[in-house]
Amino acid sequence: MAFPKSTLKLVTAGFLAAGALFAAASANAGTSWSVGINVPGVVVTEPAPVYYEPAPVYSRPAPTYYQPAPVYSAPAPVYYESGPSWEERRAQRWEERREWRRRQWEREQHRRYYEDRY
């Protein structure tokens, strides 16, 4: 099959134009272009978002508090020393009274002796 020269020139010119366009697009980093046909149902969307896992967080565990066990103890026994009996107390008071009367008598005798002399 033989192509006419004008068609061959036209195809060659188209390839050169497309090559120049692709070369210019790759030279400009960060730019993009697209050729689309406005047909219903064609949707061009952004790429899915990239998920970055958060950095690990290290922390001390919460302090644990323990309540001490209750301590039960019986009170210490109390010992009372028995005091003197009623009869012993009565005898002691009787002796104290006798001693007091004896001293009174001695004072009286002393007073009488010295009053009579002076």
C-alpha atoms as a PDB file:
ATOM      1  CA  MET A   1       0.000   0.000   0.000  1.00  0.00           C
ATOM      2  CA  ALA A   2       1.496   3.272  -0.991  1.00  0.00           C
ATOM      3  CA  PHE A   3       0.926   6.554   0.882  1.00  0.00           C
ATOM      4  CA  PRO A   4       0.921   9.881  -0.917  1.00  0.00           C
ATOM      5  CA  LYS A   5       3.820  12.122  -0.014  1.00  0.00           C
ATOM      6  CA  SER A   6       1.579  14.788   1.468  1.00  0.00           C
ATOM      7  CA  THR A   7       0.029  12.312   3.906  1.00  0.00           C
ATOM      8  CA  LEU A   8       3.422  11.007   4.911  1.00  0.00           C
ATOM      9  CA  LYS A   9       4.627  14.533   5.557  1.00  0.00           C
ATOM     10  CA  LEU A  10       1.542  15.278   7.611  1.00  0.00           C
ATOM     11  CA  VAL A  11       1.992  12.160   9.784  1.00  0.00           C
ATOM     12  CA  THR A  12       5.667  12.910  10.238  1.00  0.00           C
ATOM     13  CA  ALA A  13       4.887  16.479  11.245  1.00  0.00           C
ATOM     14  CA  GLY A  14       2.326  15.192  13.782  1.00  0.00           C
ATOM     15  CA  PHE A  15       4.852  12.781  15.336  1.00  0.00           C
ATOM     16  CA  LEU A  16       7.415  15.577  15.590  1.00  0.00           C
ATOM     17  CA  ALA A  17       4.869  17.902  17.208  1.00  0.00           C
ATOM     18  CA  ALA A  18       3.814  15.205  19.690  1.00  0.00           C
ATOM     19  CA  GLY A  19       7.458  14.394  20.508  1.00  0.00           C
ATOM     20  CA  ALA A  20       8.206  18.063  21.126  1.00  0.00           C
ATOM     21  CA  LEU A  21       5.148  18.339  23.330  1.00  0.00           C
ATOM     22  CA  PHE A  22       6.140  15.282  25.406  1.00  0.00           C
ATOM     23  CA  ALA A  23       9.716  16.506  25.678  1.00  0.00           C
ATOM     24  CA  ALA A  24       8.539  19.899  26.908  1.00  0.00           C
ATOM     25  CA  ALA A  25       6.185  18.307  29.435  1.00  0.00           C
ATOM     26  CA  SER A  26       8.866  16.047  30.888  1.00  0.00           C
ATOM     27  CA  ALA A  27      11.258  18.979  31.152  1.00  0.00           C
ATOM     28  CA  ASN A  28       8.807  20.867  33.382  1.00  0.00           C
ATOM     29  CA  ALA A  29       8.765  18.863  36.566  1.00  0.00           C
ATOM     30  CA  GLY A  30       5.664  19.232  38.702  1.00  0.00           C
ATOM     31  CA  THR A  31       3.307  20.112  35.864  1.00  0.00           C
ATOM     32  CA  SER A  32       0.821  17.817  34.325  1.00  0.00           C
ATOM     33  CA  TRP A  33      -1.455  17.953  31.371  1.00  0.00           C
ATOM     34  CA  SER A  34      -4.078  15.711  29.983  1.00  0.00           C
ATOM     35  CA  VAL A  35      -6.150  15.361  26.904  1.00  0.00           C
ATOM     36  CA  GLY A  36      -9.703  14.382  27.536  1.00  0.00           C
ATOM     37  CA  ILE A  37     -12.915  14.065  25.729  1.00  0.00           C
ATOM     38  CA  ASN A  38     -15.858  15.707  27.415  1.00  0.00           C
ATOM     39  CA  VAL A  39     -18.029  12.691  27.696  1.00  0.00           C
ATOM     40  CA  PRO A  40     -20.406  12.136  30.563  1.00  0.00           C
ATOM     41  CA  GLY A  41     -19.197   9.500  33.016  1.00  0.00           C
ATOM     42  CA  VAL A  42     -15.466  10.272  32.771  1.00  0.00           C
ATOM     43  CA  VAL A  43     -14.200  11.355  36.179  1.00  0.00           C
ATOM     44  CA  VAL A  44     -10.680  12.455  36.952  1.00  0.00           C
ATOM     45  CA  THR A  45      -9.945  12.447  40.685  1.00  0.00           C
ATOM     46  CA  GLU A  46      -6.988  13.132  42.907  1.00  0.00           C
ATOM     47  CA  PRO A  47      -4.957  10.173  44.078  1.00  0.00           C
ATOM     48  CA  ALA A  48      -5.871   8.561  47.396  1.00  0.00           C
ATOM     49  CA  PRO A  49      -4.385  10.299  50.409  1.00  0.00           C
ATOM     50  CA  VAL A  50      -1.223   8.827  51.815  1.00  0.00           C
ATOM     51  CA  TYR A  51      -1.526   7.515  55.377  1.00  0.00           C
ATOM     52  CA  TYR A  52       1.373   8.148  57.701  1.00  0.00           C
ATOM     53  CA  GLU A  53       1.476   6.066  60.860  1.00  0.00           C
ATOM     54  CA  PRO A  54       1.947   8.291  63.921  1.00  0.00           C
ATOM     55  CA  ALA A  55       5.185   8.062  65.826  1.00  0.00           C
ATOM     56  CA  PRO A  56       5.059   5.667  68.789  1.00  0.00           C
ATOM     57  CA  VAL A  57       4.449   7.267  72.173  1.00  0.00           C
ATOM     58  CA  TYR A  58       6.187   5.813  75.205  1.00  0.00           C
ATOM     59  CA  SER A  59       4.954   6.665  78.686  1.00  0.00           C
ATOM     60  CA  ARG A  60       5.316   5.255  82.180  1.00  0.00           C
ATOM     61  CA  PRO A  61       2.402   3.182  83.422  1.00  0.00           C
ATOM     62  CA  ALA A  62       0.229   4.732  86.080  1.00  0.00           C
ATOM     63  CA  PRO A  63       1.476   4.101  89.639  1.00  0.00           C
ATOM     64  CA  THR A  64      -0.265   1.319  91.519  1.00  0.00           C
ATOM     65  CA  TYR A  65      -1.254   1.973  95.111  1.00  0.00           C
ATOM     66  CA  TYR A  66      -1.922  -0.819  97.561  1.00  0.00           C
ATOM     67  CA  GLN A  67      -3.789  -0.281 100.802  1.00  0.00           C
ATOM     68  CA  PRO A  68      -1.988  -2.026 103.652  1.00  0.00           C
ATOM     69  CA  ALA A  69      -3.776  -4.912 105.273  1.00  0.00           C
ATOM     70  CA  PRO A  70      -5.566  -4.000 108.513  1.00  0.00           C
ATOM     71  CA  VAL A  71      -3.763  -4.962 111.679  1.00  0.00           C
ATOM     72  CA  TYR A  72      -5.828  -6.259 114.564  1.00  0.00           C
ATOM     73  CA  SER A  73      -4.327  -6.633 118.006  1.00  0.00           C
ATOM     74  CA  ALA A  74      -5.826  -7.316 121.391  1.00  0.00           C
ATOM     75  CA  PRO A  75      -5.252  -4.661 124.045  1.00  0.00           C
ATOM     76  CA  ALA A  76      -2.569  -5.396 126.589  1.00  0.00           C
ATOM     77  CA  PRO A  77      -3.861  -6.974 129.796  1.00  0.00           C
ATOM     78  CA  VAL A  78      -4.203  -4.590 132.705  1.00  0.00           C
ATOM     79  CA  TYR A  79      -3.152  -5.770 136.170  1.00  0.00           C
ATOM     80  CA  TYR A  80      -4.267  -3.971 139.281  1.00  0.00           C
ATOM     81  CA  GLU A  81      -2.361  -4.443 142.469  1.00  0.00           C
ATOM     82  CA  SER A  82      -4.745  -4.917 145.283  1.00  0.00           C
ATOM     83  CA  GLY A  83      -4.588  -2.200 147.896  1.00  0.00           C
ATOM     84  CA  PRO A  84      -4.975  -2.530 151.627  1.00  0.00           C
ATOM     85  CA  SER A  85      -8.170  -4.019 152.890  1.00  0.00           C
ATOM     86  CA  TRP A  86     -10.758  -2.075 154.839  1.00  0.00           C
ATOM     87  CA  GLU A  87      -9.438  -3.324 158.137  1.00  0.00           C
ATOM     88  CA  GLU A  88      -5.875  -2.364 157.232  1.00  0.00           C
ATOM     89  CA  ARG A  89      -6.953   1.155 156.261  1.00  0.00           C
ATOM     90  CA  ARG A  90      -8.926   1.491 159.495  1.00  0.00           C
ATOM     91  CA  ALA A  91      -5.929   0.386 161.547  1.00  0.00           C
ATOM     92  CA  GLN A  92      -3.657   2.825 159.666  1.00  0.00           C
ATOM     93  CA  ARG A  93      -6.002   5.745 160.329  1.00  0.00           C
ATOM     94  CA  TRP A  94      -6.176   4.726 163.975  1.00  0.00           C
ATOM     95  CA  GLU A  95      -2.375   4.806 164.198  1.00  0.00           C
ATOM     96  CA  GLU A  96      -2.271   8.213 162.505  1.00  0.00           C
ATOM     97  CA  ARG A  97      -4.766   9.607 165.021  1.00  0.00           C
ATOM     98  CA  ARG A  98      -2.789   8.202 167.950  1.00  0.00           C
ATOM     99  CA  GLU A  99       0.382   9.789 166.563  1.00  0.00           C
ATOM    100  CA  TRP A 100      -1.381  13.114 166.119  1.00  0.00           C
ATOM    101  CA  ARG A 101      -2.755  13.012 169.703  1.00  0.00           C
ATOM    102  CA  ARG A 102       0.658  12.138 171.066  1.00  0.00           C
ATOM    103  CA  ARG A 103       2.233  15.130 169.317  1.00  0.00           C
ATOM    104  CA  GLN A 104      -0.552  17.373 170.557  1.00  0.00           C
ATOM    105  CA  TRP A 105       0.016  16.159 174.080  1.00  0.00           C
ATOM    106  CA  GLU A 106       3.778  16.810 173.750  1.00  0.00           C
ATOM    107  CA  ARG A 107       3.139  20.346 172.510  1.00  0.00           C
ATOM    108  CA  GLU A 108       0.792  21.000 175.367  1.00  0.00           C
ATOM    109  CA  GLN A 109       3.285  19.665 177.878  1.00  0.00           C
ATOM    110  CA  HIS A 110       6.042  21.735 176.341  1.00  0.00           C
ATOM    111  CA  ARG A 111       3.920  24.851 176.456  1.00  0.00           C
ATOM    112  CA  ARG A 112       2.935  24.304 180.089  1.00  0.00           C
ATOM    113  CA  TYR A 113       6.483  23.633 181.119  1.00  0.00           C
ATOM    114  CA  TYR A 114       7.873  26.779 179.616  1.00  0.00           C
ATOM    115  CA  GLU A 115       4.937  29.024 180.591  1.00  0.00           C
ATOM    116  CA  ASP A 116       5.362  28.104 184.187  1.00  0.00           C
ATOM    117  CA  ARG A 117       9.051  28.845 184.129  1.00  0.00           C
ATOM    118  CA  TYR A 118       8.942  32.256 182.582  1.00  0.00           C
END
